[in-house]
């Protein structure tokens, strides 16, 4: 309830202040599990993306965000759910929380880079997006966001006004065609297939954003657990 109330209030305000432009909304399936895989420049990415999607978008966030009542209501209202503390590694718990959203037919927003880009380039994607896509049968819609770094650069607490923001979405990608029957059996992908599909998603994001791609992983910052499963990422390989 709070999510939709806040969205109704903020959408017209932010669209006017930031002259938000949305492209490719026709690529969004009207129902069923869906992953929105976006580039990541700013905390504001997680504000603007839900405003541009007619369905509810959920992000998995650090539990620390929900420890104070002063901020917990806001993070829940903008579609974030706390990472459960109990059991397993952080990556496995993040994957479990994300799977709950997708198996319930919801929309999950993630950032395959795992953190905000420090220099505007597009960094190597973690394979959590591929794991979730095949495990939950969810299509992946690549997303490119423009202008959010100007609204709130890394390290700046108060968003800047009167900037222009664009959210561009591409055709959905499916992991099914990359199925390789990994060690976990049917419905799983082996490591090479996970990497191949993740690279395809990152390539689609790059095509939408025009960003220069980087073969390395970006260094982590604090914030959303943007790429569930990334802690279990295999050793990087060239290419």
C-alpha atoms as a PDB file:
ATOM      1  CA  UNK A   1       0.000   0.000   0.000  1.00  0.00           C
ATOM      2  CA  UNK A   2       2.757   2.427   0.971  1.00  0.00           C
ATOM      3  CA  UNK A   3       4.631   1.574  -2.244  1.00  0.00           C
ATOM      4  CA  UNK A   4       1.755   2.588  -4.501  1.00  0.00           C
ATOM      5  CA  UNK A   5       0.885   5.646  -2.424  1.00  0.00           C
ATOM      6  CA  UNK A   6       4.462   6.912  -2.598  1.00  0.00           C
ATOM      7  CA  UNK A   7       4.661   6.104  -6.294  1.00  0.00           C
ATOM      8  CA  UNK A   8       1.479   8.045  -7.050  1.00  0.00           C
ATOM      9  CA  UNK A   9       2.851  11.031  -5.156  1.00  0.00           C
ATOM     10  CA  UNK A  10       6.434  10.984  -6.429  1.00  0.00           C
ATOM     11  CA  UNK A  11       5.933  10.027 -10.080  1.00  0.00           C
ATOM     12  CA  UNK A  12       4.457  13.331 -11.335  1.00  0.00           C
ATOM     13  CA  UNK A  13       6.778  15.392  -9.127  1.00  0.00           C
ATOM     14  CA  UNK A  14      10.002  13.689 -10.182  1.00  0.00           C
ATOM     15  CA  UNK A  15       9.012  13.474 -13.821  1.00  0.00           C
ATOM     16  CA  UNK A  16       8.531  17.242 -13.919  1.00  0.00           C
ATOM     17  CA  UNK A  17      11.637  18.136 -11.885  1.00  0.00           C
ATOM     18  CA  UNK A  18      13.909  15.775 -13.828  1.00  0.00           C
ATOM     19  CA  UNK A  19      12.066  15.712 -17.167  1.00  0.00           C
ATOM     20  CA  UNK A  20      12.148  11.908 -17.033  1.00  0.00           C
ATOM     21  CA  UNK A  21      11.987  10.201 -20.408  1.00  0.00           C
ATOM     22  CA  UNK A  22      11.069   6.523 -20.714  1.00  0.00           C
ATOM     23  CA  UNK A  23      11.948   4.481 -23.795  1.00  0.00           C
ATOM     24  CA  UNK A  24      11.099   0.855 -24.583  1.00  0.00           C
ATOM     25  CA  UNK A  25       8.357   0.304 -22.041  1.00  0.00           C
ATOM     26  CA  UNK A  26       6.640  -1.939 -24.603  1.00  0.00           C
ATOM     27  CA  UNK A  27       9.306  -4.563 -23.860  1.00  0.00           C
ATOM     28  CA  UNK A  28       7.958  -5.158 -20.344  1.00  0.00           C
ATOM     29  CA  UNK A  29       5.810  -8.311 -19.961  1.00  0.00           C
ATOM     30  CA  UNK A  30       2.502  -7.411 -18.266  1.00  0.00           C
ATOM     31  CA  UNK A  31       2.661 -10.351 -15.862  1.00  0.00           C
ATOM     32  CA  UNK A  32       4.870 -13.178 -14.612  1.00  0.00           C
ATOM     33  CA  UNK A  33       8.364 -13.161 -13.113  1.00  0.00           C
ATOM     34  CA  UNK A  34      10.663 -10.524 -14.562  1.00  0.00           C
ATOM     35  CA  UNK A  35      14.221  -9.347 -13.935  1.00  0.00           C
ATOM     36  CA  UNK A  36      15.198  -5.761 -14.716  1.00  0.00           C
ATOM     37  CA  UNK A  37      18.993  -5.704 -15.134  1.00  0.00           C
ATOM     38  CA  UNK A  38      20.266  -2.134 -15.134  1.00  0.00           C
ATOM     39  CA  UNK A  39      23.513  -0.249 -15.292  1.00  0.00           C
ATOM     40  CA  UNK A  40      24.253   1.511 -12.005  1.00  0.00           C
ATOM     41  CA  UNK A  41      25.490   5.060 -11.493  1.00  0.00           C
ATOM     42  CA  UNK A  42      23.661   6.335  -8.431  1.00  0.00           C
ATOM     43  CA  UNK A  43      21.381   5.438  -5.532  1.00  0.00           C
ATOM     44  CA  UNK A  44      18.722   7.330  -7.506  1.00  0.00           C
ATOM     45  CA  UNK A  45      18.683   4.506 -10.065  1.00  0.00           C
ATOM     46  CA  UNK A  46      16.534   2.613  -7.564  1.00  0.00           C
ATOM     47  CA  UNK A  47      14.114   5.523  -7.368  1.00  0.00           C
ATOM     48  CA  UNK A  48      13.718   6.340 -11.053  1.00  0.00           C
ATOM     49  CA  UNK A  49      13.453   2.777 -12.378  1.00  0.00           C
ATOM     50  CA  UNK A  50      10.344   1.858 -10.334  1.00  0.00           C
ATOM     51  CA  UNK A  51       8.692   5.122 -11.391  1.00  0.00           C
ATOM     52  CA  UNK A  52       8.998   4.066 -15.025  1.00  0.00           C
ATOM     53  CA  UNK A  53       7.580   0.562 -14.627  1.00  0.00           C
ATOM     54  CA  UNK A  54       3.811   0.018 -14.215  1.00  0.00           C
ATOM     55  CA  UNK A  55       4.371  -3.099 -12.082  1.00  0.00           C
ATOM     56  CA  UNK A  56       5.866  -3.124  -8.597  1.00  0.00           C
ATOM     57  CA  UNK A  57       9.669  -3.404  -8.650  1.00  0.00           C
ATOM     58  CA  UNK A  58      11.487  -4.988  -5.706  1.00  0.00           C
ATOM     59  CA  UNK A  59      15.155  -4.700  -4.759  1.00  0.00           C
ATOM     60  CA  UNK A  60      17.037  -6.737  -2.157  1.00  0.00           C
ATOM     61  CA  UNK A  61      18.798  -4.381   0.268  1.00  0.00           C
ATOM     62  CA  UNK A  62      21.103  -4.620   3.272  1.00  0.00           C
ATOM     63  CA  UNK A  63      19.258  -5.262   6.541  1.00  0.00           C
ATOM     64  CA  UNK A  64      20.994  -2.237   8.087  1.00  0.00           C
ATOM     65  CA  UNK A  65      18.699   0.013   6.061  1.00  0.00           C
ATOM     66  CA  UNK A  66      15.756  -1.280   8.066  1.00  0.00           C
ATOM     67  CA  UNK A  67      17.182  -1.007  11.580  1.00  0.00           C
ATOM     68  CA  UNK A  68      15.900   2.520  12.180  1.00  0.00           C
ATOM     69  CA  UNK A  69      12.198   3.284  11.990  1.00  0.00           C
ATOM     70  CA  UNK A  70      13.153   6.698  10.616  1.00  0.00           C
ATOM     71  CA  UNK A  71      14.367   5.139   7.369  1.00  0.00           C
ATOM     72  CA  UNK A  72      12.822   1.652   7.300  1.00  0.00           C
ATOM     73  CA  UNK A  73       9.431   2.904   6.131  1.00  0.00           C
ATOM     74  CA  UNK A  74      10.988   4.685   3.165  1.00  0.00           C
ATOM     75  CA  UNK A  75      13.023   1.715   1.962  1.00  0.00           C
ATOM     76  CA  UNK A  76       9.987  -0.559   2.180  1.00  0.00           C
ATOM     77  CA  UNK A  77       7.837   2.048   0.459  1.00  0.00           C
ATOM     78  CA  UNK A  78      10.195   2.260  -2.537  1.00  0.00           C
ATOM     79  CA  UNK A  79      10.148  -1.508  -2.991  1.00  0.00           C
ATOM     80  CA  UNK A  80      13.167  -2.772  -1.068  1.00  0.00           C
ATOM     81  CA  UNK A  81      13.166  -5.864   1.120  1.00  0.00           C
ATOM     82  CA  UNK A  82      15.789  -6.584   3.805  1.00  0.00           C
ATOM     83  CA  UNK A  83      18.317  -9.329   3.308  1.00  0.00           C
ATOM     84  CA  UNK A  84      17.636 -12.042   5.849  1.00  0.00           C
ATOM     85  CA  UNK A  85      20.519 -12.394   8.287  1.00  0.00           C
ATOM     86  CA  UNK A  86      20.088 -16.042   9.191  1.00  0.00           C
ATOM     87  CA  UNK A  87      21.631 -19.004   7.400  1.00  0.00           C
ATOM     88  CA  UNK A  88      24.196 -19.340   4.648  1.00  0.00           C
ATOM     89  CA  UNK A  89      26.447 -16.821   2.995  1.00  0.00           C
ATOM     90  CA  UNK A  90      25.286 -13.324   2.118  1.00  0.00           C
ATOM     91  CA  UNK A  91      25.154 -14.279  -1.555  1.00  0.00           C
ATOM     92  CA  UNK A  92      22.994 -17.347  -0.953  1.00  0.00           C
ATOM     93  CA  UNK A  93      20.643 -15.393   1.283  1.00  0.00           C
ATOM     94  CA  UNK A  94      20.392 -12.688  -1.359  1.00  0.00           C
ATOM     95  CA  UNK A  95      19.596 -15.317  -3.983  1.00  0.00           C
ATOM     96  CA  UNK A  96      16.920 -16.832  -1.746  1.00  0.00           C
ATOM     97  CA  UNK A  97      15.276 -13.454  -1.175  1.00  0.00           C
ATOM     98  CA  UNK A  98      15.365 -12.696  -4.898  1.00  0.00           C
ATOM     99  CA  UNK A  99      13.903 -16.098  -5.765  1.00  0.00           C
ATOM    100  CA  UNK A 100      10.990 -15.438  -3.408  1.00  0.00           C
ATOM    101  CA  UNK A 101      10.118 -12.335  -5.413  1.00  0.00           C
ATOM    102  CA  UNK A 102      10.359 -14.100  -8.769  1.00  0.00           C
ATOM    103  CA  UNK A 103       8.583 -17.336  -7.813  1.00  0.00           C
ATOM    104  CA  UNK A 104       5.729 -15.132  -6.607  1.00  0.00           C
ATOM    105  CA  UNK A 105       5.489 -13.688 -10.133  1.00  0.00           C
ATOM    106  CA  UNK A 106       7.075 -10.370  -9.153  1.00  0.00           C
ATOM    107  CA  UNK A 107       9.531  -7.974 -10.755  1.00  0.00           C
ATOM    108  CA  UNK A 108      13.081  -7.929  -9.401  1.00  0.00           C
ATOM    109  CA  UNK A 109      15.457  -5.031 -10.018  1.00  0.00           C
ATOM    110  CA  UNK A 110      19.174  -5.850  -9.903  1.00  0.00           C
ATOM    111  CA  UNK A 111      22.475  -4.337 -10.973  1.00  0.00           C
ATOM    112  CA  UNK A 112      24.714  -7.071 -12.425  1.00  0.00           C
ATOM    113  CA  UNK A 113      27.831  -4.929 -11.884  1.00  0.00           C
ATOM    114  CA  UNK A 114      27.276  -5.431  -8.167  1.00  0.00           C
ATOM    115  CA  UNK A 115      27.951  -1.808  -7.262  1.00  0.00           C
ATOM    116  CA  UNK A 116      27.842   1.705  -8.675  1.00  0.00           C
ATOM    117  CA  UNK A 117      30.251   2.460 -11.508  1.00  0.00           C
ATOM    118  CA  UNK A 118      33.046   4.682 -10.180  1.00  0.00           C
ATOM    119  CA  UNK A 119      33.815   6.267 -13.557  1.00  0.00           C
ATOM    120  CA  UNK A 120      30.751   5.886 -15.781  1.00  0.00           C
ATOM    121  CA  UNK A 121      32.004   2.798 -17.603  1.00  0.00           C
ATOM    122  CA  UNK A 122      30.137  -0.521 -17.620  1.00  0.00           C
ATOM    123  CA  UNK A 123      31.922  -3.153 -15.542  1.00  0.00           C
ATOM    124  CA  UNK A 124      31.910  -6.958 -15.743  1.00  0.00           C
ATOM    125  CA  UNK A 125      28.613  -8.499 -14.655  1.00  0.00           C
ATOM    126  CA  UNK A 126      28.219 -11.034 -11.859  1.00  0.00           C
ATOM    127  CA  UNK A 127      26.390 -14.229 -12.746  1.00  0.00           C
ATOM    128  CA  UNK A 128      23.594 -13.920 -10.187  1.00  0.00           C
ATOM    129  CA  UNK A 129      21.357 -12.528 -12.933  1.00  0.00           C
ATOM    130  CA  UNK A 130      21.838 -15.707 -15.001  1.00  0.00           C
ATOM    131  CA  UNK A 131      21.277 -18.005 -12.006  1.00  0.00           C
ATOM    132  CA  UNK A 132      17.994 -16.311 -11.174  1.00  0.00           C
ATOM    133  CA  UNK A 133      16.838 -16.207 -14.781  1.00  0.00           C
ATOM    134  CA  UNK A 134      17.182 -19.954 -15.296  1.00  0.00           C
ATOM    135  CA  UNK A 135      16.108 -21.042 -11.806  1.00  0.00           C
ATOM    136  CA  UNK A 136      12.924 -18.954 -11.898  1.00  0.00           C
ATOM    137  CA  UNK A 137      12.206 -19.025 -15.627  1.00  0.00           C
ATOM    138  CA  UNK A 138      12.296 -15.230 -15.672  1.00  0.00           C
ATOM    139  CA  UNK A 139      13.087 -13.138 -18.748  1.00  0.00           C
ATOM    140  CA  UNK A 140      15.707 -10.432 -18.300  1.00  0.00           C
ATOM    141  CA  UNK A 141      14.963  -6.941 -19.609  1.00  0.00           C
ATOM    142  CA  UNK A 142      18.192  -4.931 -19.994  1.00  0.00           C
ATOM    143  CA  UNK A 143      17.945  -1.336 -18.790  1.00  0.00           C
ATOM    144  CA  UNK A 144      20.154   1.713 -19.321  1.00  0.00           C
ATOM    145  CA  UNK A 145      19.713   4.756 -17.107  1.00  0.00           C
ATOM    146  CA  UNK A 146      21.116   8.151 -18.051  1.00  0.00           C
ATOM    147  CA  UNK A 147      21.585  11.259 -15.922  1.00  0.00           C
ATOM    148  CA  UNK A 148      21.198   9.714 -12.478  1.00  0.00           C
ATOM    149  CA  UNK A 149      24.878  10.318 -11.639  1.00  0.00           C
ATOM    150  CA  UNK A 150      24.279  14.029 -12.195  1.00  0.00           C
ATOM    151  CA  UNK A 151      21.235  13.916  -9.921  1.00  0.00           C
ATOM    152  CA  UNK A 152      23.128  12.259  -7.057  1.00  0.00           C
ATOM    153  CA  UNK A 153      26.823  11.480  -7.598  1.00  0.00           C
ATOM    154  CA  UNK A 154      28.565   8.963  -5.340  1.00  0.00           C
ATOM    155  CA  UNK A 155      29.292  10.639  -1.995  1.00  0.00           C
ATOM    156  CA  UNK A 156      26.631  13.352  -2.360  1.00  0.00           C
ATOM    157  CA  UNK A 157      23.820  13.086   0.180  1.00  0.00           C
ATOM    158  CA  UNK A 158      21.226  15.500  -1.252  1.00  0.00           C
ATOM    159  CA  UNK A 159      19.944  14.969  -4.822  1.00  0.00           C
ATOM    160  CA  UNK A 160      20.448  17.837  -7.252  1.00  0.00           C
ATOM    161  CA  UNK A 161      17.424  19.331  -8.974  1.00  0.00           C
ATOM    162  CA  UNK A 162      16.548  20.145 -12.570  1.00  0.00           C
ATOM    163  CA  UNK A 163      18.630  17.448 -14.239  1.00  0.00           C
ATOM    164  CA  UNK A 164      17.457  15.323 -17.156  1.00  0.00           C
ATOM    165  CA  UNK A 165      16.960  11.560 -16.640  1.00  0.00           C
ATOM    166  CA  UNK A 166      16.289   8.893 -19.276  1.00  0.00           C
ATOM    167  CA  UNK A 167      15.402   5.237 -18.655  1.00  0.00           C
ATOM    168  CA  UNK A 168      15.785   3.021 -21.731  1.00  0.00           C
ATOM    169  CA  UNK A 169      14.664  -0.631 -21.854  1.00  0.00           C
ATOM    170  CA  UNK A 170      15.523  -3.293 -24.404  1.00  0.00           C
ATOM    171  CA  UNK A 171      13.885  -6.512 -25.610  1.00  0.00           C
ATOM    172  CA  UNK A 172      13.771  -9.326 -23.020  1.00  0.00           C
ATOM    173  CA  UNK A 173      16.458 -11.998 -23.015  1.00  0.00           C
ATOM    174  CA  UNK A 174      15.893 -15.586 -21.926  1.00  0.00           C
ATOM    175  CA  UNK A 175      18.400 -17.998 -20.447  1.00  0.00           C
ATOM    176  CA  UNK A 176      16.501 -21.060 -21.734  1.00  0.00           C
ATOM    177  CA  UNK A 177      18.408 -21.169 -25.003  1.00  0.00           C
ATOM    178  CA  UNK A 178      21.658 -21.273 -23.033  1.00  0.00           C
ATOM    179  CA  UNK A 179      20.538 -24.302 -21.018  1.00  0.00           C
ATOM    180  CA  UNK A 180      23.439 -26.631 -20.535  1.00  0.00           C
ATOM    181  CA  UNK A 181      22.170 -29.085 -17.911  1.00  0.00           C
ATOM    182  CA  UNK A 182      24.802 -28.225 -15.328  1.00  0.00           C
ATOM    183  CA  UNK A 183      25.827 -30.322 -12.353  1.00  0.00           C
ATOM    184  CA  UNK A 184      22.633 -29.371 -10.529  1.00  0.00           C
ATOM    185  CA  UNK A 185      20.602 -31.127 -13.216  1.00  0.00           C
ATOM    186  CA  UNK A 186      17.781 -29.905 -15.470  1.00  0.00           C
ATOM    187  CA  UNK A 187      16.973 -26.248 -15.058  1.00  0.00           C
ATOM    188  CA  UNK A 188      20.557 -25.361 -14.155  1.00  0.00           C
ATOM    189  CA  UNK A 189      23.431 -23.800 -16.055  1.00  0.00           C
ATOM    190  CA  UNK A 190      27.068 -24.734 -15.865  1.00  0.00           C
ATOM    191  CA  UNK A 191      29.676 -22.076 -15.153  1.00  0.00           C
ATOM    192  CA  UNK A 192      30.457 -21.387 -18.807  1.00  0.00           C
ATOM    193  CA  UNK A 193      26.782 -20.998 -19.696  1.00  0.00           C
ATOM    194  CA  UNK A 194      26.193 -18.703 -16.700  1.00  0.00           C
ATOM    195  CA  UNK A 195      29.044 -16.510 -17.854  1.00  0.00           C
ATOM    196  CA  UNK A 196      27.882 -16.528 -21.481  1.00  0.00           C
ATOM    197  CA  UNK A 197      24.361 -15.430 -20.612  1.00  0.00           C
ATOM    198  CA  UNK A 198      25.609 -12.805 -18.154  1.00  0.00           C
ATOM    199  CA  UNK A 199      27.899 -11.396 -20.836  1.00  0.00           C
ATOM    200  CA  UNK A 200      24.951 -11.300 -23.242  1.00  0.00           C
ATOM    201  CA  UNK A 201      22.952  -9.283 -20.709  1.00  0.00           C
ATOM    202  CA  UNK A 202      25.862  -6.876 -20.190  1.00  0.00           C
ATOM    203  CA  UNK A 203      26.264  -6.546 -23.948  1.00  0.00           C
ATOM    204  CA  UNK A 204      22.595  -5.610 -24.271  1.00  0.00           C
ATOM    205  CA  UNK A 205      22.955  -3.008 -21.505  1.00  0.00           C
ATOM    206  CA  UNK A 206      26.033  -1.576 -23.249  1.00  0.00           C
ATOM    207  CA  UNK A 207      24.174  -1.390 -26.559  1.00  0.00           C
ATOM    208  CA  UNK A 208      21.417   0.613 -24.862  1.00  0.00           C
ATOM    209  CA  UNK A 209      23.703   2.866 -22.809  1.00  0.00           C
ATOM    210  CA  UNK A 210      26.643   3.377 -25.152  1.00  0.00           C
ATOM    211  CA  UNK A 211      28.999   2.880 -22.201  1.00  0.00           C
ATOM    212  CA  UNK A 212      32.540   1.634 -22.606  1.00  0.00           C
ATOM    213  CA  UNK A 213      32.791  -1.907 -21.234  1.00  0.00           C
ATOM    214  CA  UNK A 214      35.397  -2.981 -18.688  1.00  0.00           C
ATOM    215  CA  UNK A 215      36.584  -6.581 -18.374  1.00  0.00           C
ATOM    216  CA  UNK A 216      37.145  -6.323 -14.619  1.00  0.00           C
ATOM    217  CA  UNK A 217      34.695  -6.259 -11.720  1.00  0.00           C
ATOM    218  CA  UNK A 218      33.991  -2.902 -10.107  1.00  0.00           C
ATOM    219  CA  UNK A 219      35.151  -2.467  -6.525  1.00  0.00           C
ATOM    220  CA  UNK A 220      32.307  -2.780  -4.043  1.00  0.00           C
ATOM    221  CA  UNK A 221      30.677   0.106  -2.233  1.00  0.00           C
ATOM    222  CA  UNK A 222      27.958   0.088   0.407  1.00  0.00           C
ATOM    223  CA  UNK A 223      24.347  -0.038  -0.670  1.00  0.00           C
ATOM    224  CA  UNK A 224      21.980  -2.425  -2.365  1.00  0.00           C
ATOM    225  CA  UNK A 225      22.898  -6.066  -2.710  1.00  0.00           C
ATOM    226  CA  UNK A 226      22.569  -5.439  -6.368  1.00  0.00           C
ATOM    227  CA  UNK A 227      23.770  -8.736  -7.811  1.00  0.00           C
ATOM    228  CA  UNK A 228      22.502 -11.675  -5.754  1.00  0.00           C
ATOM    229  CA  UNK A 229      24.946 -14.547  -5.899  1.00  0.00           C
ATOM    230  CA  UNK A 230      27.968 -12.414  -6.723  1.00  0.00           C
ATOM    231  CA  UNK A 231      29.883 -13.518  -3.604  1.00  0.00           C
ATOM    232  CA  UNK A 232      29.958 -16.989  -5.121  1.00  0.00           C
ATOM    233  CA  UNK A 233      31.349 -15.693  -8.407  1.00  0.00           C
ATOM    234  CA  UNK A 234      33.992 -18.021  -9.898  1.00  0.00           C
ATOM    235  CA  UNK A 235      37.491 -16.722 -10.485  1.00  0.00           C
ATOM    236  CA  UNK A 236      37.346 -14.139 -13.325  1.00  0.00           C
ATOM    237  CA  UNK A 237      38.591 -15.293 -16.698  1.00  0.00           C
ATOM    238  CA  UNK A 238      39.897 -13.097 -19.515  1.00  0.00           C
ATOM    239  CA  UNK A 239      37.380 -11.744 -22.021  1.00  0.00           C
END
